[in-house]
Amino acid sequence: MNHRISPFNSPLMLGFEHFERMLERAAKASGDSYPPYNIEQIGDSRLRITLAVAGFSEDDLSITLEESQLIIRGNREDEADRVFLHRGIAARQFQKTFVLAEGIEVEKATLDSGLLHIDLKRIAPEKRIRTIEITPARTD
């Protein structure tokens, strides 16, 4: 029996169960290394994910944001009438998922020379301070 201790099991971490589920999904999704990708910081509040998607056109790729998951899918239709003497270029479909932290937004996506660039921007959180009024308990 394998029990994994999670930092989210602390009684001080209220309402963070969904983070644990997202981490588990991200760990499962990270097993496939196709297509290769880089994540780089391109400024104080900007990140760029670059995927090597040679052979895929804009029409073969889709990028969706589902809650906090950035999902990149590639599906290239292979021409059935082509005869390959050697086939070394992968044409398989893929799905790559990245879990974005709160406050990270997708700015834009570009395809350039077989590289798909997805630019992300970190939005500074708005500071909210709220005073909670303490009311006496009823003793009826």
Protein backbone atom coordinates (compact mmCIF):
# COMPACT_ATOMS: atom_id res chain seq x y z
CA MET A 1 0.00 0.00 0.00
CA ASN A 2 1.58 3.24 -1.16
CA HIS A 3 0.51 6.36 0.75
CA ARG A 4 1.81 9.63 -0.52
CA ILE A 5 1.92 12.54 1.88
CA SER A 6 0.69 15.73 0.28
CA PRO A 7 1.27 19.26 1.56
CA PHE A 8 -2.41 19.87 0.81
CA ASN A 9 -3.45 17.42 3.57
CA SER A 10 -2.64 20.02 6.22
CA PRO A 11 -5.67 21.31 8.13
CA LEU A 12 -4.32 24.81 7.49
CA MET A 13 -4.74 24.41 3.70
CA LEU A 14 -8.49 24.82 3.21
CA GLY A 15 -10.03 24.41 -0.23
CA PHE A 16 -6.86 23.31 -2.05
CA GLU A 17 -8.03 19.79 -2.98
CA HIS A 18 -8.34 20.77 -6.65
CA PHE A 19 -4.61 21.67 -6.75
CA GLU A 20 -3.74 18.15 -5.67
CA ARG A 21 -5.93 16.67 -8.42
CA MET A 22 -4.33 19.00 -11.00
CA LEU A 23 -0.82 17.96 -9.89
CA GLU A 24 -1.75 14.30 -10.25
CA ARG A 25 -3.09 14.91 -13.77
CA ALA A 26 0.02 16.88 -14.70
CA ALA A 27 2.28 14.08 -13.46
CA LYS A 28 0.40 11.54 -15.59
CA ALA A 29 0.51 13.81 -18.67
CA SER A 30 4.24 14.49 -18.35
CA GLY A 31 5.15 10.88 -19.18
CA ASP A 32 5.08 11.47 -22.95
CA SER A 33 7.98 13.50 -24.32
CA TYR A 34 6.53 14.06 -27.81
CA PRO A 35 6.68 16.72 -29.07
CA PRO A 36 9.78 18.13 -27.40
CA TYR A 37 9.29 21.52 -25.76
CA ASN A 38 11.05 24.34 -23.90
CA ILE A 39 9.75 26.69 -21.23
CA GLU A 40 11.66 29.94 -20.93
CA GLN A 41 11.31 33.19 -19.04
CA ILE A 42 11.32 36.09 -21.51
CA GLY A 43 10.80 38.95 -19.08
CA ASP A 44 9.97 39.72 -15.48
CA SER A 45 6.35 38.66 -15.89
CA ARG A 46 6.39 36.68 -19.15
CA LEU A 47 6.97 33.03 -20.04
CA ARG A 48 7.14 31.25 -23.38
CA ILE A 49 6.37 27.61 -24.12
CA THR A 50 7.92 26.45 -27.39
CA LEU A 51 6.96 23.12 -28.94
CA ALA A 52 8.78 21.54 -31.89
CA VAL A 53 5.90 20.73 -34.27
CA ALA A 54 7.66 20.37 -37.63
CA GLY A 55 5.25 19.25 -40.33
CA PHE A 56 2.13 20.56 -38.56
CA SER A 57 0.27 23.55 -39.99
CA GLU A 58 -1.97 25.98 -38.13
CA ASP A 59 -4.96 23.90 -39.22
CA ASP A 60 -3.43 20.76 -37.68
CA LEU A 61 -2.97 22.38 -34.26
CA SER A 62 -5.41 23.51 -31.59
CA ILE A 63 -4.82 25.30 -28.31
CA THR A 64 -7.51 25.38 -25.63
CA LEU A 65 -7.64 26.65 -22.09
CA GLU A 66 -9.87 24.53 -19.86
CA GLU A 67 -10.01 26.07 -16.40
CA SER A 68 -6.31 26.22 -15.51
CA GLN A 69 -5.11 23.63 -18.04
CA LEU A 70 -3.49 24.73 -21.29
CA ILE A 71 -4.01 21.90 -23.79
CA ILE A 72 -2.15 21.77 -27.11
CA ARG A 73 -3.31 19.16 -29.61
CA GLY A 74 -1.80 18.19 -32.93
CA ASN A 75 -3.60 16.01 -35.45
CA ARG A 76 -2.08 15.75 -38.91
CA GLU A 77 -3.94 13.86 -41.56
CA ASP A 78 -1.59 11.50 -43.34
CA GLU A 79 -2.01 11.11 -47.07
CA ALA A 80 -2.88 7.46 -47.74
CA ASP A 81 -1.66 7.62 -51.35
CA ARG A 82 1.97 8.32 -50.38
CA VAL A 83 4.50 5.48 -50.53
CA PHE A 84 7.44 5.87 -48.13
CA LEU A 85 10.71 4.04 -48.76
CA HIS A 86 11.88 5.25 -45.35
CA ARG A 87 9.78 6.98 -42.72
CA GLY A 88 11.70 8.80 -40.00
CA ILE A 89 9.55 11.90 -39.52
CA ALA A 90 6.84 11.41 -36.94
CA ALA A 91 3.33 12.27 -38.07
CA ARG A 92 1.48 11.02 -35.03
CA GLN A 93 -1.11 13.02 -33.20
CA PHE A 94 -0.30 14.42 -29.78
CA GLN A 95 -1.77 16.17 -26.79
CA LYS A 96 0.38 18.17 -24.37
CA THR A 97 -1.10 19.61 -21.18
CA PHE A 98 0.35 22.34 -18.98
CA VAL A 99 -1.24 23.39 -15.69
CA LEU A 100 -1.14 27.16 -15.33
CA ALA A 101 -0.92 28.81 -11.93
CA GLU A 102 -3.54 31.33 -10.93
CA GLY A 103 -2.75 34.72 -12.43
CA ILE A 104 -1.10 33.32 -15.59
CA GLU A 105 -2.85 34.27 -18.83
CA VAL A 106 -2.22 33.21 -22.41
CA GLU A 107 -1.14 36.27 -24.36
CA LYS A 108 -0.68 34.86 -27.89
CA ALA A 109 0.41 31.86 -29.95
CA THR A 110 2.54 31.91 -33.11
CA LEU A 111 3.83 29.23 -35.47
CA ASP A 112 7.23 29.98 -36.99
CA SER A 113 9.52 27.56 -38.88
CA GLY A 114 8.07 24.46 -37.23
CA LEU A 115 8.09 25.95 -33.72
CA LEU A 116 4.86 26.75 -31.90
CA HIS A 117 5.40 29.60 -29.43
CA ILE A 118 2.83 30.23 -26.71
CA ASP A 119 3.45 33.44 -24.76
CA LEU A 120 2.13 33.66 -21.22
CA LYS A 121 1.80 36.71 -19.01
CA ARG A 122 1.69 36.82 -15.22
CA ILE A 123 -0.97 39.24 -14.01
CA ALA A 124 -0.11 40.97 -10.72
CA PRO A 125 -2.71 39.96 -8.15
CA GLU A 126 -4.92 42.70 -6.83
CA LYS A 127 -4.32 43.16 -3.12
CA ARG A 128 -7.51 42.76 -1.17
CA ILE A 129 -7.67 43.46 2.52
CA ARG A 130 -10.97 42.94 4.23
CA THR A 131 -11.74 43.45 7.88
CA ILE A 132 -14.04 40.83 9.37
CA GLU A 133 -16.35 42.16 12.04
CA ILE A 134 -16.54 40.11 15.22
CA THR A 135 -20.05 39.84 16.64
CA PRO A 136 -20.88 38.53 20.09
CA ALA A 137 -22.29 35.02 20.25
CA ARG A 138 -25.86 34.65 21.36
CA THR A 139 -26.37 32.95 24.70
CA ASP A 140 -30.13 32.33 24.41
